[in-house]
Amino acid sequence: MQGAVPWTCSNFTMKEELPSIRVIEIKENDDDTCTIDFETSDSFDKMYLEETGKKRVTKRGLSNFIRDLLMKAYNKEDGYDIRSS
């Protein structure tokens, strides 16, 4: 087709993956606490770094961050909530 303008995707943006946490296992401890094994998505790790100002993702840092998020979700604070998939 002479004179046709080729179609490009330069103005099209794909939705980024939503930050997510996948709970793998919850273990009850003898002292009435629990241990939660989880995985995080790359976009969650990116969000963690941006919100905390940290330079790298660590197990301890993520654990504390997720604990705080779970408490906010449990209390329905700051727009957080818990839902199952």
C-alpha atoms as a PDB file:
ATOM      1  CA  MET A   1       0.000   0.000   0.000  1.00  0.00           C
ATOM      2  CA  GLN A   2       1.667   3.108  -1.144  1.00  0.00           C
ATOM      3  CA  GLY A   3       1.276   6.096   1.173  1.00  0.00           C
ATOM      4  CA  ALA A   4      -0.053   3.998   4.069  1.00  0.00           C
ATOM      5  CA  VAL A   5       1.254   4.835   7.516  1.00  0.00           C
ATOM      6  CA  PRO A   6       2.653   1.765   9.237  1.00  0.00           C
ATOM      7  CA  TRP A   7       0.966   0.921  12.546  1.00  0.00           C
ATOM      8  CA  THR A   8       3.244   1.075  15.577  1.00  0.00           C
ATOM      9  CA  CYS A   9       2.851   0.342  19.269  1.00  0.00           C
ATOM     10  CA  SER A  10       4.833   3.333  20.463  1.00  0.00           C
ATOM     11  CA  ASN A  11       1.803   4.906  22.171  1.00  0.00           C
ATOM     12  CA  PHE A  12       0.500   1.625  23.535  1.00  0.00           C
ATOM     13  CA  THR A  13       1.483   0.763  27.093  1.00  0.00           C
ATOM     14  CA  MET A  14       0.980  -2.662  28.583  1.00  0.00           C
ATOM     15  CA  LYS A  15      -0.398  -2.867  32.082  1.00  0.00           C
ATOM     16  CA  GLU A  16       2.373  -3.576  34.525  1.00  0.00           C
ATOM     17  CA  GLU A  17       2.082  -6.624  36.712  1.00  0.00           C
ATOM     18  CA  LEU A  18       0.346  -5.795  39.988  1.00  0.00           C
ATOM     19  CA  PRO A  19       2.498  -6.232  43.090  1.00  0.00           C
ATOM     20  CA  SER A  20       1.471  -9.495  44.703  1.00  0.00           C
ATOM     21  CA  ILE A  21       2.326 -11.837  47.545  1.00  0.00           C
ATOM     22  CA  ARG A  22       1.653 -15.564  47.270  1.00  0.00           C
ATOM     23  CA  VAL A  23       1.263 -17.344  50.621  1.00  0.00           C
ATOM     24  CA  ILE A  24       2.750 -20.820  50.337  1.00  0.00           C
ATOM     25  CA  GLU A  25       2.281 -22.104  53.874  1.00  0.00           C
ATOM     26  CA  ILE A  26       1.177 -20.899  57.303  1.00  0.00           C
ATOM     27  CA  LYS A  27       2.598 -22.793  60.295  1.00  0.00           C
ATOM     28  CA  GLU A  28       1.238 -22.347  63.800  1.00  0.00           C
ATOM     29  CA  ASN A  29       3.899 -22.027  66.484  1.00  0.00           C
ATOM     30  CA  ASP A  30       3.676 -23.259  70.082  1.00  0.00           C
ATOM     31  CA  ASP A  31       3.673 -19.675  71.391  1.00  0.00           C
ATOM     32  CA  ASP A  32       0.401 -18.768  69.583  1.00  0.00           C
ATOM     33  CA  THR A  33       2.235 -16.994  66.747  1.00  0.00           C
ATOM     34  CA  CYS A  34       2.586 -18.226  63.200  1.00  0.00           C
ATOM     35  CA  THR A  35       5.234 -18.443  60.519  1.00  0.00           C
ATOM     36  CA  ILE A  36       4.207 -17.559  56.983  1.00  0.00           C
ATOM     37  CA  ASP A  37       6.178 -18.786  53.961  1.00  0.00           C
ATOM     38  CA  PHE A  38       5.570 -16.552  50.957  1.00  0.00           C
ATOM     39  CA  GLU A  39       6.752 -15.541  47.498  1.00  0.00           C
ATOM     40  CA  THR A  40       6.704 -12.013  46.110  1.00  0.00           C
ATOM     41  CA  SER A  41       6.413 -10.872  42.513  1.00  0.00           C
ATOM     42  CA  ASP A  42       9.128  -8.756  40.895  1.00  0.00           C
ATOM     43  CA  SER A  43       6.762  -5.794  40.901  1.00  0.00           C
ATOM     44  CA  PHE A  44       6.207  -6.273  44.656  1.00  0.00           C
ATOM     45  CA  ASP A  45       9.968  -6.252  45.231  1.00  0.00           C
ATOM     46  CA  LYS A  46      10.202  -3.048  43.175  1.00  0.00           C
ATOM     47  CA  MET A  47       7.387  -1.469  45.212  1.00  0.00           C
ATOM     48  CA  TYR A  48       9.135  -2.512  48.444  1.00  0.00           C
ATOM     49  CA  LEU A  49      12.375  -0.831  47.370  1.00  0.00           C
ATOM     50  CA  GLU A  50      10.578   2.356  46.299  1.00  0.00           C
ATOM     51  CA  GLU A  51       8.447   2.638  49.451  1.00  0.00           C
ATOM     52  CA  THR A  52      11.232   1.861  51.909  1.00  0.00           C
ATOM     53  CA  GLY A  53      14.124   3.577  50.145  1.00  0.00           C
ATOM     54  CA  LYS A  54      16.196   0.414  50.590  1.00  0.00           C
ATOM     55  CA  LYS A  55      18.839  -0.527  48.022  1.00  0.00           C
ATOM     56  CA  ARG A  56      18.198  -4.278  48.043  1.00  0.00           C
ATOM     57  CA  VAL A  57      15.545  -6.791  48.990  1.00  0.00           C
ATOM     58  CA  THR A  58      16.344  -8.815  52.109  1.00  0.00           C
ATOM     59  CA  LYS A  59      14.381 -11.577  53.806  1.00  0.00           C
ATOM     60  CA  ARG A  60      14.197  -9.681  57.094  1.00  0.00           C
ATOM     61  CA  GLY A  61      13.240  -6.386  55.462  1.00  0.00           C
ATOM     62  CA  LEU A  62      10.518  -8.045  53.380  1.00  0.00           C
ATOM     63  CA  SER A  63       9.215  -9.921  56.417  1.00  0.00           C
ATOM     64  CA  ASN A  64       8.810  -6.717  58.424  1.00  0.00           C
ATOM     65  CA  PHE A  65       7.283  -4.864  55.477  1.00  0.00           C
ATOM     66  CA  ILE A  66       4.790  -7.657  54.780  1.00  0.00           C
ATOM     67  CA  ARG A  67       3.894  -7.966  58.472  1.00  0.00           C
ATOM     68  CA  ASP A  68       3.023  -4.266  58.499  1.00  0.00           C
ATOM     69  CA  LEU A  69       0.998  -4.621  55.268  1.00  0.00           C
ATOM     70  CA  LEU A  70      -0.908  -7.621  56.675  1.00  0.00           C
ATOM     71  CA  MET A  71      -1.808  -5.658  59.792  1.00  0.00           C
ATOM     72  CA  LYS A  72      -3.030  -2.751  57.639  1.00  0.00           C
ATOM     73  CA  ALA A  73      -5.063  -5.159  55.492  1.00  0.00           C
ATOM     74  CA  TYR A  74      -6.511  -6.919  58.540  1.00  0.00           C
ATOM     75  CA  ASN A  75      -7.565  -3.556  59.980  1.00  0.00           C
ATOM     76  CA  LYS A  76      -8.629  -2.267  56.514  1.00  0.00           C
ATOM     77  CA  GLU A  77      -6.335   0.754  56.849  1.00  0.00           C
ATOM     78  CA  ASP A  78      -4.918   2.963  54.082  1.00  0.00           C
ATOM     79  CA  GLY A  79      -6.983   1.183  51.425  1.00  0.00           C
ATOM     80  CA  TYR A  80      -5.500  -2.272  52.116  1.00  0.00           C
ATOM     81  CA  ASP A  81      -7.649  -5.400  52.331  1.00  0.00           C
ATOM     82  CA  ILE A  82      -7.206  -9.177  52.191  1.00  0.00           C
ATOM     83  CA  ARG A  83      -8.683 -11.255  49.406  1.00  0.00           C
ATOM     84  CA  SER A  84      -8.116 -14.810  48.263  1.00  0.00           C
ATOM     85  CA  SER A  85      -7.463 -15.704  44.659  1.00  0.00           C
END
